[in-house]
Every structure is written in C-alpha cells, then in structure tokens.
C-alpha cells in the first residue's frame, strides 16, 4: 500500500471497520450510504484487510457486476465509475479513501 500511495501521490490514508460493534448506532445509516450508487471524480483504491463484502460496479453497457471482496483483495475503481458497497455477515475492515481525505471506505487515491 505504501508503494501504491507513493507512486500515485496519494496524501491521505485511513481505515474503517464496517460492523455494528465498531460503528454502533451509526452502522445502519453508514451501510445505507455505502450501498447508495455513487460516483467519484478521482480513482479509488480499496484493500480489504479483514472480513468480506461486495462491491457492485457498472460496466460499459450499464450492467451491474458484483465483486466479492475478501482479505488481501485490492480493487482499483477508475474515476467516473458508478459503484456501491455492502457487507455480508462477516462485515469488513478496510482502509479508507486516501485521496482528498473525504472517503467512506477503503480507498487510496
């Protein structure tokens, strides 16, 4: 992750545990926000540290593709790609966006 952040000149990095225990009362609201389809002007890199979840992304034909994310998976979401995220029963621990410092899940970029 250090090499990727350095090569791409990312300034910020953080991590978040997405689970009811870790997020408390904010969990349900956060999960809804993560699952709402959204788009970013900048690339996002997401690395799964622990647990599992799903990233849904739209392909070139506007169809949803579901990607199961497990520990050790690295996903690079190009700028301008519609996507959303949801956990499964295992929940997840991810680094947060490393771009402008205003990210929601695991992202670098």
PDB file of N, CA and C in Angstrom:
ATOM      1  N   UNK A   1       0.827  -1.188   0.000  1.00  0.00           N
ATOM      2  CA  UNK A   1       0.000   0.000   0.000  1.00  0.00           C
ATOM      3  C   UNK A   1       0.871   1.252   0.000  1.00  0.00           C
ATOM      4  N   UNK A   2       1.978   1.184   0.723  1.00  0.00           N
ATOM      5  CA  UNK A   2       2.882   2.342   0.744  1.00  0.00           C
ATOM      6  C   UNK A   2       3.382   2.670  -0.655  1.00  0.00           C
ATOM      7  N   UNK A   3       3.789   1.641  -1.399  1.00  0.00           N
ATOM      8  CA  UNK A   3       4.309   1.865  -2.749  1.00  0.00           C
ATOM      9  C   UNK A   3       3.244   2.455  -3.667  1.00  0.00           C
ATOM     10  N   UNK A   4       2.028   1.938  -3.567  1.00  0.00           N
ATOM     11  CA  UNK A   4       0.935   2.449  -4.404  1.00  0.00           C
ATOM     12  C   UNK A   4       0.653   3.901  -4.061  1.00  0.00           C
ATOM     13  N   UNK A   5       0.555   4.204  -2.778  1.00  0.00           N
ATOM     14  CA  UNK A   5       0.271   5.574  -2.353  1.00  0.00           C
ATOM     15  C   UNK A   5       1.368   6.529  -2.815  1.00  0.00           C
ATOM     16  N   UNK A   6       2.599   6.105  -2.694  1.00  0.00           N
ATOM     17  CA  UNK A   6       3.728   6.951  -3.090  1.00  0.00           C
ATOM     18  C   UNK A   6       3.767   7.157  -4.601  1.00  0.00           C
ATOM     19  N   UNK A   7       3.617   6.078  -5.357  1.00  0.00           N
ATOM     20  CA  UNK A   7       3.649   6.153  -6.816  1.00  0.00           C
ATOM     21  C   UNK A   7       2.543   7.046  -7.369  1.00  0.00           C
ATOM     22  N   UNK A   8       1.376   6.988  -6.755  1.00  0.00           N
ATOM     23  CA  UNK A   8       0.231   7.759  -7.251  1.00  0.00           C
ATOM     24  C   UNK A   8       0.054   9.095  -6.529  1.00  0.00           C
ATOM     25  N   UNK A   9       0.988   9.428  -5.681  1.00  0.00           N
ATOM     26  CA  UNK A   9       0.974  10.703  -4.952  1.00  0.00           C
ATOM     27  C   UNK A   9      -0.280  10.907  -4.105  1.00  0.00           C
ATOM     28  N   UNK A  10      -0.720   9.865  -3.419  1.00  0.00           N
ATOM     29  CA  UNK A  10      -1.859   9.996  -2.531  1.00  0.00           C
ATOM     30  C   UNK A  10      -1.390  10.547  -1.197  1.00  0.00           C
ATOM     31  N   UNK A  11      -2.128  11.488  -0.684  1.00  0.00           N
ATOM     32  CA  UNK A  11      -1.708  12.174   0.529  1.00  0.00           C
ATOM     33  C   UNK A  11      -2.270  11.551   1.800  1.00  0.00           C
ATOM     34  N   UNK A  12      -3.457  10.964   1.743  1.00  0.00           N
ATOM     35  CA  UNK A  12      -4.135  10.513   2.954  1.00  0.00           C
ATOM     36  C   UNK A  12      -4.469   9.035   2.895  1.00  0.00           C
ATOM     37  N   UNK A  13      -4.536   8.438   4.084  1.00  0.00           N
ATOM     38  CA  UNK A  13      -4.965   7.061   4.202  1.00  0.00           C
ATOM     39  C   UNK A  13      -5.553   6.855   5.575  1.00  0.00           C
ATOM     40  N   UNK A  14      -6.514   5.985   5.642  1.00  0.00           N
ATOM     41  CA  UNK A  14      -7.162   5.687   6.905  1.00  0.00           C
ATOM     42  C   UNK A  14      -7.755   4.296   6.784  1.00  0.00           C
ATOM     43  N   UNK A  15      -8.328   3.786   7.844  1.00  0.00           N
ATOM     44  CA  UNK A  15      -9.031   2.519   7.736  1.00  0.00           C
ATOM     45  C   UNK A  15     -10.275   2.559   8.593  1.00  0.00           C
ATOM     46  N   UNK A  16     -11.230   1.697   8.232  1.00  0.00           N
ATOM     47  CA  UNK A  16     -12.508   1.662   8.928  1.00  0.00           C
ATOM     48  C   UNK A  16     -12.935   0.211   9.091  1.00  0.00           C
ATOM     49  N   UNK A  17     -13.536  -0.087  10.219  1.00  0.00           N
ATOM     50  CA  UNK A  17     -14.143  -1.388  10.439  1.00  0.00           C
ATOM     51  C   UNK A  17     -15.639  -1.222  10.261  1.00  0.00           C
ATOM     52  N   UNK A  18     -16.187  -1.918   9.293  1.00  0.00           N
ATOM     53  CA  UNK A  18     -17.613  -1.811   8.987  1.00  0.00           C
ATOM     54  C   UNK A  18     -18.334  -2.968   9.681  1.00  0.00           C
ATOM     55  N   UNK A  19     -18.838  -2.682  10.878  1.00  0.00           N
ATOM     56  CA  UNK A  19     -19.578  -3.680  11.647  1.00  0.00           C
ATOM     57  C   UNK A  19     -20.434  -2.961  12.682  1.00  0.00           C
ATOM     58  N   UNK A  20     -21.504  -3.599  13.133  1.00  0.00           N
ATOM     59  CA  UNK A  20     -22.338  -2.974  14.165  1.00  0.00           C
ATOM     60  C   UNK A  20     -21.553  -2.690  15.444  1.00  0.00           C
ATOM     61  N   UNK A  21     -20.662  -3.601  15.832  1.00  0.00           N
ATOM     62  CA  UNK A  21     -19.887  -3.391  17.053  1.00  0.00           C
ATOM     63  C   UNK A  21     -18.974  -2.174  16.937  1.00  0.00           C
ATOM     64  N   UNK A  22     -18.309  -2.041  15.794  1.00  0.00           N
ATOM     65  CA  UNK A  22     -17.350  -0.945  15.614  1.00  0.00           C
ATOM     66  C   UNK A  22     -18.026   0.397  15.371  1.00  0.00           C
ATOM     67  N   UNK A  23     -19.179   0.394  14.695  1.00  0.00           N
ATOM     68  CA  UNK A  23     -19.825   1.649  14.308  1.00  0.00           C
ATOM     69  C   UNK A  23     -20.978   2.047  15.210  1.00  0.00           C
ATOM     70  N   UNK A  24     -21.437   1.138  16.035  1.00  0.00           N
ATOM     71  CA  UNK A  24     -22.519   1.452  16.960  1.00  0.00           C
ATOM     72  C   UNK A  24     -23.788   1.908  16.256  1.00  0.00           C
ATOM     73  N   UNK A  25     -24.378   2.960  16.776  1.00  0.00           N
ATOM     74  CA  UNK A  25     -25.655   3.459  16.273  1.00  0.00           C
ATOM     75  C   UNK A  25     -25.574   3.971  14.835  1.00  0.00           C
ATOM     76  N   UNK A  26     -24.398   4.322  14.376  1.00  0.00           N
ATOM     77  CA  UNK A  26     -24.246   4.852  13.012  1.00  0.00           C
ATOM     78  C   UNK A  26     -24.200   3.751  11.949  1.00  0.00           C
ATOM     79  N   UNK A  27     -24.119   2.491  12.368  1.00  0.00           N
ATOM     80  CA  UNK A  27     -23.939   1.382  11.419  1.00  0.00           C
ATOM     81  C   UNK A  27     -24.999   1.360  10.314  1.00  0.00           C
ATOM     82  N   UNK A  28     -26.274   1.335  10.679  1.00  0.00           N
ATOM     83  CA  UNK A  28     -27.337   1.230   9.670  1.00  0.00           C
ATOM     84  C   UNK A  28     -27.296   2.378   8.670  1.00  0.00           C
ATOM     85  N   UNK A  29     -27.086   3.576   9.169  1.00  0.00           N
ATOM     86  CA  UNK A  29     -27.013   4.744   8.271  1.00  0.00           C
ATOM     87  C   UNK A  29     -25.812   4.639   7.336  1.00  0.00           C
ATOM     88  N   UNK A  30     -24.668   4.257   7.859  1.00  0.00           N
ATOM     89  CA  UNK A  30     -23.453   4.133   7.037  1.00  0.00           C
ATOM     90  C   UNK A  30     -23.628   3.071   5.956  1.00  0.00           C
ATOM     91  N   UNK A  31     -24.198   1.938   6.320  1.00  0.00           N
ATOM     92  CA  UNK A  31     -24.407   0.867   5.345  1.00  0.00           C
ATOM     93  C   UNK A  31     -25.323   1.343   4.220  1.00  0.00           C
ATOM     94  N   UNK A  32     -26.360   2.100   4.564  1.00  0.00           N
ATOM     95  CA  UNK A  32     -27.245   2.651   3.524  1.00  0.00           C
ATOM     96  C   UNK A  32     -26.481   3.611   2.616  1.00  0.00           C
ATOM     97  N   UNK A  33     -25.644   4.454   3.208  1.00  0.00           N
ATOM     98  CA  UNK A  33     -24.854   5.392   2.405  1.00  0.00           C
ATOM     99  C   UNK A  33     -23.891   4.654   1.477  1.00  0.00           C
ATOM    100  N   UNK A  34     -23.224   3.640   2.007  1.00  0.00           N
ATOM    101  CA  UNK A  34     -22.267   2.884   1.197  1.00  0.00           C
ATOM    102  C   UNK A  34     -22.970   2.190   0.042  1.00  0.00           C
ATOM    103  N   UNK A  35     -24.214   1.737   0.276  1.00  0.00           N
ATOM    104  CA  UNK A  35     -24.935   0.970  -0.736  1.00  0.00           C
ATOM    105  C   UNK A  35     -25.609   1.860  -1.781  1.00  0.00           C
ATOM    106  N   UNK A  36     -25.774   3.122  -1.471  1.00  0.00           N
ATOM    107  CA  UNK A  36     -26.319   4.040  -2.482  1.00  0.00           C
ATOM    108  C   UNK A  36     -25.320   4.162  -3.624  1.00  0.00           C
ATOM    109  N   UNK A  37     -25.813   3.990  -4.830  1.00  0.00           N
ATOM    110  CA  UNK A  37     -24.956   4.125  -6.001  1.00  0.00           C
ATOM    111  C   UNK A  37     -24.342   5.517  -6.021  1.00  0.00           C
ATOM    112  N   UNK A  38     -23.037   5.577  -6.259  1.00  0.00           N
ATOM    113  CA  UNK A  38     -22.373   6.876  -6.307  1.00  0.00           C
ATOM    114  C   UNK A  38     -21.180   6.807  -7.250  1.00  0.00           C
ATOM    115  N   UNK A  39     -20.621   7.971  -7.499  1.00  0.00           N
ATOM    116  CA  UNK A  39     -19.518   8.102  -8.446  1.00  0.00           C
ATOM    117  C   UNK A  39     -18.521   9.101  -7.867  1.00  0.00           C
ATOM    118  N   UNK A  40     -17.251   8.930  -8.179  1.00  0.00           N
ATOM    119  CA  UNK A  40     -16.217   9.850  -7.714  1.00  0.00           C
ATOM    120  C   UNK A  40     -15.450  10.413  -8.906  1.00  0.00           C
ATOM    121  N   UNK A  41     -14.978  11.615  -8.747  1.00  0.00           N
ATOM    122  CA  UNK A  41     -14.185  12.252  -9.800  1.00  0.00           C
ATOM    123  C   UNK A  41     -12.765  11.703  -9.843  1.00  0.00           C
ATOM    124  N   UNK A  42     -12.321  11.084  -8.750  1.00  0.00           N
ATOM    125  CA  UNK A  42     -10.963  10.552  -8.666  1.00  0.00           C
ATOM    126  C   UNK A  42     -10.996   9.038  -8.528  1.00  0.00           C
ATOM    127  N   UNK A  43      -9.921   8.409  -8.930  1.00  0.00           N
ATOM    128  CA  UNK A  43      -9.748   6.973  -8.761  1.00  0.00           C
ATOM    129  C   UNK A  43      -9.795   6.612  -7.279  1.00  0.00           C
ATOM    130  N   UNK A  44     -10.303   5.424  -7.004  1.00  0.00           N
ATOM    131  CA  UNK A  44     -10.288   4.913  -5.635  1.00  0.00           C
ATOM    132  C   UNK A  44      -9.607   3.559  -5.635  1.00  0.00           C
ATOM    133  N   UNK A  45      -8.790   3.321  -4.638  1.00  0.00           N
ATOM    134  CA  UNK A  45      -8.180   2.017  -4.456  1.00  0.00           C
ATOM    135  C   UNK A  45      -8.666   1.494  -3.118  1.00  0.00           C
ATOM    136  N   UNK A  46      -9.146   0.273  -3.131  1.00  0.00           N
ATOM    137  CA  UNK A  46      -9.693  -0.323  -1.922  1.00  0.00           C
ATOM    138  C   UNK A  46      -8.992  -1.641  -1.647  1.00  0.00           C
ATOM    139  N   UNK A  47      -8.542  -1.797  -0.409  1.00  0.00           N
ATOM    140  CA  UNK A  47      -7.827  -3.002   0.004  1.00  0.00           C
ATOM    141  C   UNK A  47      -8.541  -3.593   1.215  1.00  0.00           C
ATOM    142  N   UNK A  48      -8.901  -4.850   1.135  1.00  0.00           N
ATOM    143  CA  UNK A  48      -9.632  -5.498   2.218  1.00  0.00           C
ATOM    144  C   UNK A  48      -8.641  -6.107   3.208  1.00  0.00           C
ATOM    145  N   UNK A  49      -8.745  -5.696   4.442  1.00  0.00           N
ATOM    146  CA  UNK A  49      -7.854  -6.203   5.488  1.00  0.00           C
ATOM    147  C   UNK A  49      -8.427  -7.433   6.180  1.00  0.00           C
ATOM    148  N   UNK A  50      -9.737  -7.408   6.439  1.00  0.00           N
ATOM    149  CA  UNK A  50     -10.364  -8.482   7.203  1.00  0.00           C
ATOM    150  C   UNK A  50     -11.850  -8.510   6.866  1.00  0.00           C
ATOM    151  N   UNK A  51     -12.457  -9.676   6.879  1.00  0.00           N
ATOM    152  CA  UNK A  51     -13.872  -9.810   6.594  1.00  0.00           C
ATOM    153  C   UNK A  51     -14.129  -9.866   5.095  1.00  0.00           C
ATOM    154  N   UNK A  52     -15.410  -9.864   4.730  1.00  0.00           N
ATOM    155  CA  UNK A  52     -15.794  -9.935   3.320  1.00  0.00           C
ATOM    156  C   UNK A  52     -16.955  -8.998   3.052  1.00  0.00           C
ATOM    157  N   UNK A  53     -17.103  -8.636   1.809  1.00  0.00           N
ATOM    158  CA  UNK A  53     -18.195  -7.764   1.396  1.00  0.00           C
ATOM    159  C   UNK A  53     -18.302  -7.792  -0.116  1.00  0.00           C
ATOM    160  N   UNK A  54     -19.118  -6.901  -0.661  1.00  0.00           N
ATOM    161  CA  UNK A  54     -19.352  -6.872  -2.099  1.00  0.00           C
ATOM    162  C   UNK A  54     -19.264  -5.446  -2.630  1.00  0.00           C
ATOM    163  N   UNK A  55     -18.539  -5.288  -3.715  1.00  0.00           N
ATOM    164  CA  UNK A  55     -18.535  -4.049  -4.473  1.00  0.00           C
ATOM    165  C   UNK A  55     -19.329  -4.315  -5.739  1.00  0.00           C
ATOM    166  N   UNK A  56     -20.328  -3.502  -5.983  1.00  0.00           N
ATOM    167  CA  UNK A  56     -21.079  -3.564  -7.230  1.00  0.00           C
ATOM    168  C   UNK A  56     -20.612  -2.404  -8.090  1.00  0.00           C
ATOM    169  N   UNK A  57     -20.254  -2.693  -9.329  1.00  0.00           N
ATOM    170  CA  UNK A  57     -19.813  -1.645 -10.256  1.00  0.00           C
ATOM    171  C   UNK A  57     -20.573  -1.793 -11.567  1.00  0.00           C
ATOM    172  N   UNK A  58     -20.780  -0.680 -12.239  1.00  0.00           N
ATOM    173  CA  UNK A  58     -21.444  -0.715 -13.548  1.00  0.00           C
ATOM    174  C   UNK A  58     -20.392  -0.931 -14.628  1.00  0.00           C
ATOM    175  N   UNK A  59     -20.718  -1.780 -15.592  1.00  0.00           N
ATOM    176  CA  UNK A  59     -19.794  -1.991 -16.707  1.00  0.00           C
ATOM    177  C   UNK A  59     -20.087  -0.993 -17.833  1.00  0.00           C
ATOM    178  N   UNK A  60     -19.380  -1.146 -18.965  1.00  0.00           N
ATOM    179  CA  UNK A  60     -19.525  -0.209 -20.085  1.00  0.00           C
ATOM    180  C   UNK A  60     -20.928  -0.241 -20.684  1.00  0.00           C
ATOM    181  N   UNK A  61     -21.650  -1.353 -20.501  1.00  0.00           N
ATOM    182  CA  UNK A  61     -23.012  -1.485 -21.038  1.00  0.00           C
ATOM    183  C   UNK A  61     -24.067  -1.146 -19.990  1.00  0.00           C
ATOM    184  N   UNK A  62     -23.651  -0.511 -18.901  1.00  0.00           N
ATOM    185  CA  UNK A  62     -24.555  -0.069 -17.841  1.00  0.00           C
ATOM    186  C   UNK A  62     -25.187  -1.229 -17.068  1.00  0.00           C
ATOM    187  N   UNK A  63     -24.492  -2.366 -17.031  1.00  0.00           N
ATOM    188  CA  UNK A  63     -24.950  -3.514 -16.247  1.00  0.00           C
ATOM    189  C   UNK A  63     -24.132  -3.595 -14.964  1.00  0.00           C
ATOM    190  N   UNK A  64     -24.799  -4.007 -13.886  1.00  0.00           N
ATOM    191  CA  UNK A  64     -24.100  -4.175 -12.610  1.00  0.00           C
ATOM    192  C   UNK A  64     -23.284  -5.453 -12.623  1.00  0.00           C
ATOM    193  N   UNK A  65     -22.081  -5.366 -12.093  1.00  0.00           N
ATOM    194  CA  UNK A  65     -21.234  -6.527 -11.855  1.00  0.00           C
ATOM    195  C   UNK A  65     -20.957  -6.566 -10.363  1.00  0.00           C
ATOM    196  N   UNK A  66     -21.093  -7.726  -9.743  1.00  0.00           N
ATOM    197  CA  UNK A  66     -20.837  -7.859  -8.308  1.00  0.00           C
ATOM    198  C   UNK A  66     -19.476  -8.509  -8.109  1.00  0.00           C
ATOM    199  N   UNK A  67     -18.662  -7.874  -7.271  1.00  0.00           N
ATOM    200  CA  UNK A  67     -17.330  -8.380  -6.973  1.00  0.00           C
ATOM    201  C   UNK A  67     -17.275  -8.718  -5.492  1.00  0.00           C
ATOM    202  N   UNK A  68     -17.036  -9.979  -5.190  1.00  0.00           N
ATOM    203  CA  UNK A  68     -16.877 -10.381  -3.786  1.00  0.00           C
ATOM    204  C   UNK A  68     -15.472  -9.986  -3.362  1.00  0.00           C
ATOM    205  N   UNK A  69     -15.373  -9.264  -2.271  1.00  0.00           N
ATOM    206  CA  UNK A  69     -14.092  -8.779  -1.769  1.00  0.00           C
ATOM    207  C   UNK A  69     -13.738  -9.522  -0.485  1.00  0.00           C
ATOM    208  N   UNK A  70     -12.537 -10.092  -0.469  1.00  0.00           N
ATOM    209  CA  UNK A  70     -12.060 -10.875   0.663  1.00  0.00           C
ATOM    210  C   UNK A  70     -10.715 -10.332   1.120  1.00  0.00           C
ATOM    211  N   UNK A  71     -10.249 -10.731   2.300  1.00  0.00           N
ATOM    212  CA  UNK A  71      -8.961 -10.245   2.789  1.00  0.00           C
ATOM    213  C   UNK A  71      -7.847 -10.430   1.754  1.00  0.00           C
ATOM    214  N   UNK A  72      -7.089  -9.361   1.562  1.00  0.00           N
ATOM    215  CA  UNK A  72      -5.998  -9.373   0.603  1.00  0.00           C
ATOM    216  C   UNK A  72      -6.391  -8.891  -0.777  1.00  0.00           C
ATOM    217  N   UNK A  73      -7.687  -8.729  -1.048  1.00  0.00           N
ATOM    218  CA  UNK A  73      -8.128  -8.232  -2.359  1.00  0.00           C
ATOM    219  C   UNK A  73      -7.843  -6.743  -2.484  1.00  0.00           C
ATOM    220  N   UNK A  74      -7.402  -6.359  -3.659  1.00  0.00           N
ATOM    221  CA  UNK A  74      -7.137  -4.962  -3.993  1.00  0.00           C
ATOM    222  C   UNK A  74      -8.004  -4.614  -5.192  1.00  0.00           C
ATOM    223  N   UNK A  75      -8.846  -3.598  -5.046  1.00  0.00           N
ATOM    224  CA  UNK A  75      -9.700  -3.158  -6.140  1.00  0.00           C
ATOM    225  C   UNK A  75      -9.333  -1.733  -6.504  1.00  0.00           C
ATOM    226  N   UNK A  76      -9.230  -1.478  -7.786  1.00  0.00           N
ATOM    227  CA  UNK A  76      -8.988  -0.125  -8.272  1.00  0.00           C
ATOM    228  C   UNK A  76     -10.219   0.284  -9.068  1.00  0.00           C
ATOM    229  N   UNK A  77     -10.917   1.295  -8.562  1.00  0.00           N
ATOM    230  CA  UNK A  77     -12.109   1.808  -9.229  1.00  0.00           C
ATOM    231  C   UNK A  77     -11.725   3.089  -9.951  1.00  0.00           C
ATOM    232  N   UNK A  78     -11.739   3.069 -11.281  1.00  0.00           N
ATOM    233  CA  UNK A  78     -11.362   4.270 -12.041  1.00  0.00           C
ATOM    234  C   UNK A  78     -12.314   5.426 -11.762  1.00  0.00           C
ATOM    235  N   UNK A  79     -11.843   6.620 -11.965  1.00  0.00           N
ATOM    236  CA  UNK A  79     -12.699   7.805 -11.829  1.00  0.00           C
ATOM    237  C   UNK A  79     -13.896   7.643 -12.760  1.00  0.00           C
ATOM    238  N   UNK A  80     -15.057   8.093 -12.298  1.00  0.00           N
ATOM    239  CA  UNK A  80     -16.238   8.083 -13.144  1.00  0.00           C
ATOM    240  C   UNK A  80     -16.970   6.763 -13.229  1.00  0.00           C
ATOM    241  N   UNK A  81     -16.651   5.809 -12.356  1.00  0.00           N
ATOM    242  CA  UNK A  81     -17.319   4.508 -12.353  1.00  0.00           C
ATOM    243  C   UNK A  81     -18.387   4.510 -11.256  1.00  0.00           C
ATOM    244  N   UNK A  82     -19.631   4.230 -11.645  1.00  0.00           N
ATOM    245  CA  UNK A  82     -20.695   4.116 -10.643  1.00  0.00           C
ATOM    246  C   UNK A  82     -20.467   2.835  -9.853  1.00  0.00           C
ATOM    247  N   UNK A  83     -20.610   2.943  -8.543  1.00  0.00           N
ATOM    248  CA  UNK A  83     -20.377   1.795  -7.682  1.00  0.00           C
ATOM    249  C   UNK A  83     -21.129   1.932  -6.372  1.00  0.00           C
ATOM    250  N   UNK A  84     -21.130   0.837  -5.627  1.00  0.00           N
ATOM    251  CA  UNK A  84     -21.714   0.803  -4.285  1.00  0.00           C
ATOM    252  C   UNK A  84     -21.052  -0.350  -3.542  1.00  0.00           C
ATOM    253  N   UNK A  85     -21.241  -0.368  -2.234  1.00  0.00           N
ATOM    254  CA  UNK A  85     -20.597  -1.378  -1.400  1.00  0.00           C
ATOM    255  C   UNK A  85     -21.573  -1.887  -0.353  1.00  0.00           C
ATOM    256  N   UNK A  86     -21.479  -3.172  -0.059  1.00  0.00           N
ATOM    257  CA  UNK A  86     -22.251  -3.737   1.043  1.00  0.00           C
ATOM    258  C   UNK A  86     -21.445  -4.847   1.699  1.00  0.00           C
ATOM    259  N   UNK A  87     -21.684  -5.056   2.964  1.00  0.00           N
ATOM    260  CA  UNK A  87     -21.012  -6.127   3.689  1.00  0.00           C
ATOM    261  C   UNK A  87     -21.860  -7.391   3.617  1.00  0.00           C
ATOM    262  N   UNK A  88     -21.262  -8.508   3.984  1.00  0.00           N
ATOM    263  CA  UNK A  88     -22.039  -9.722   4.187  1.00  0.00           C
ATOM    264  C   UNK A  88     -22.031  -9.996   5.686  1.00  0.00           C
ATOM    265  N   UNK A  89     -22.350 -11.203   6.075  1.00  0.00           N
ATOM    266  CA  UNK A  89     -22.464 -11.495   7.509  1.00  0.00           C
ATOM    267  C   UNK A  89     -21.136 -11.391   8.256  1.00  0.00           C
ATOM    268  N   UNK A  90     -20.014 -11.368   7.541  1.00  0.00           N
ATOM    269  CA  UNK A  90     -18.722 -11.279   8.210  1.00  0.00           C
ATOM    270  C   UNK A  90     -18.280  -9.839   8.459  1.00  0.00           C
ATOM    271  N   UNK A  91     -18.928  -8.870   7.819  1.00  0.00           N
ATOM    272  CA  UNK A  91     -18.520  -7.472   7.884  1.00  0.00           C
ATOM    273  C   UNK A  91     -17.079  -7.330   7.386  1.00  0.00           C
ATOM    274  N   UNK A  92     -16.537  -6.137   7.408  1.00  0.00           N
ATOM    275  CA  UNK A  92     -15.195  -5.945   6.860  1.00  0.00           C
ATOM    276  C   UNK A  92     -14.398  -4.894   7.615  1.00  0.00           C
ATOM    277  N   UNK A  93     -13.100  -4.950   7.413  1.00  0.00           N
ATOM    278  CA  UNK A  93     -12.196  -3.906   7.911  1.00  0.00           C
ATOM    279  C   UNK A  93     -11.406  -3.426   6.710  1.00  0.00           C
ATOM    280  N   UNK A  94     -11.518  -2.154   6.400  1.00  0.00           N
ATOM    281  CA  UNK A  94     -10.893  -1.611   5.208  1.00  0.00           C
ATOM    282  C   UNK A  94     -10.203  -0.302   5.477  1.00  0.00           C
ATOM    283  N   UNK A  95      -9.154  -0.019   4.701  1.00  0.00           N
ATOM    284  CA  UNK A  95      -8.582   1.324   4.734  1.00  0.00           C
ATOM    285  C   UNK A  95      -9.544   2.288   4.071  1.00  0.00           C
ATOM    286  N   UNK A  96      -9.613   3.483   4.538  1.00  0.00           N
ATOM    287  CA  UNK A  96     -10.492   4.495   3.957  1.00  0.00           C
ATOM    288  C   UNK A  96      -9.829   5.207   2.802  1.00  0.00           C
ATOM    289  N   UNK A  97     -10.597   6.016   2.062  1.00  0.00           N
ATOM    290  CA  UNK A  97     -10.046   6.720   0.911  1.00  0.00           C
ATOM    291  C   UNK A  97      -8.789   7.487   1.254  1.00  0.00           C
ATOM    292  N   UNK A  98      -7.898   7.437   0.338  1.00  0.00           N
ATOM    293  CA  UNK A  98      -6.630   8.111   0.521  1.00  0.00           C
ATOM    294  C   UNK A  98      -6.501   9.262  -0.451  1.00  0.00           C
ATOM    295  N   UNK A  99      -7.593   9.757  -0.934  1.00  0.00           N
ATOM    296  CA  UNK A  99      -7.490  10.842  -1.895  1.00  0.00           C
ATOM    297  C   UNK A  99      -7.583  12.175  -1.197  1.00  0.00           C
ATOM    298  N   UNK A 100      -8.738  12.768  -1.205  1.00  0.00           N
ATOM    299  CA  UNK A 100      -8.912  14.094  -0.639  1.00  0.00           C
ATOM    300  C   UNK A 100      -9.233  14.030   0.848  1.00  0.00           C
ATOM    301  N   UNK A 101      -9.152  12.876   1.424  1.00  0.00           N
ATOM    302  CA  UNK A 101      -9.411  12.743   2.845  1.00  0.00           C
ATOM    303  C   UNK A 101     -10.882  12.691   3.193  1.00  0.00           C
ATOM    304  N   UNK A 102     -11.762  12.594   2.208  1.00  0.00           N
ATOM    305  CA  UNK A 102     -13.199  12.591   2.474  1.00  0.00           C
ATOM    306  C   UNK A 102     -13.806  11.325   1.900  1.00  0.00           C
ATOM    307  N   UNK A 103     -13.360  10.186   2.398  1.00  0.00           N
ATOM    308  CA  UNK A 103     -13.865   8.973   1.799  1.00  0.00           C
ATOM    309  C   UNK A 103     -14.652   8.142   2.766  1.00  0.00           C
ATOM    310  N   UNK A 104     -15.247   7.145   2.228  1.00  0.00           N
ATOM    311  CA  UNK A 104     -16.150   6.358   3.032  1.00  0.00           C
ATOM    312  C   UNK A 104     -15.659   4.962   3.295  1.00  0.00           C
ATOM    313  N   UNK A 105     -14.929   4.354   2.469  1.00  0.00           N
ATOM    314  CA  UNK A 105     -14.483   3.015   2.768  1.00  0.00           C
ATOM    315  C   UNK A 105     -13.012   2.944   2.566  1.00  0.00           C
ATOM    316  N   UNK A 106     -12.627   1.857   2.096  1.00  0.00           N
ATOM    317  CA  UNK A 106     -11.219   1.683   1.875  1.00  0.00           C
ATOM    318  C   UNK A 106     -10.904   2.298   0.535  1.00  0.00           C
ATOM    319  N   UNK A 107     -10.109   3.261   0.553  1.00  0.00           N
ATOM    320  CA  UNK A 107      -9.733   3.841  -0.721  1.00  0.00           C
ATOM    321  C   UNK A 107      -8.410   4.534  -0.585  1.00  0.00           C
ATOM    322  N   UNK A 108      -7.671   4.502  -1.640  1.00  0.00           N
ATOM    323  CA  UNK A 108      -6.442   5.266  -1.748  1.00  0.00           C
ATOM    324  C   UNK A 108      -6.525   5.926  -3.084  1.00  0.00           C
ATOM    325  N   UNK A 109      -6.461   7.212  -3.104  1.00  0.00           N
ATOM    326  CA  UNK A 109      -6.464   7.820  -4.417  1.00  0.00           C
ATOM    327  C   UNK A 109      -7.168   9.124  -4.497  1.00  0.00           C
TER     328      UNK A 109
END
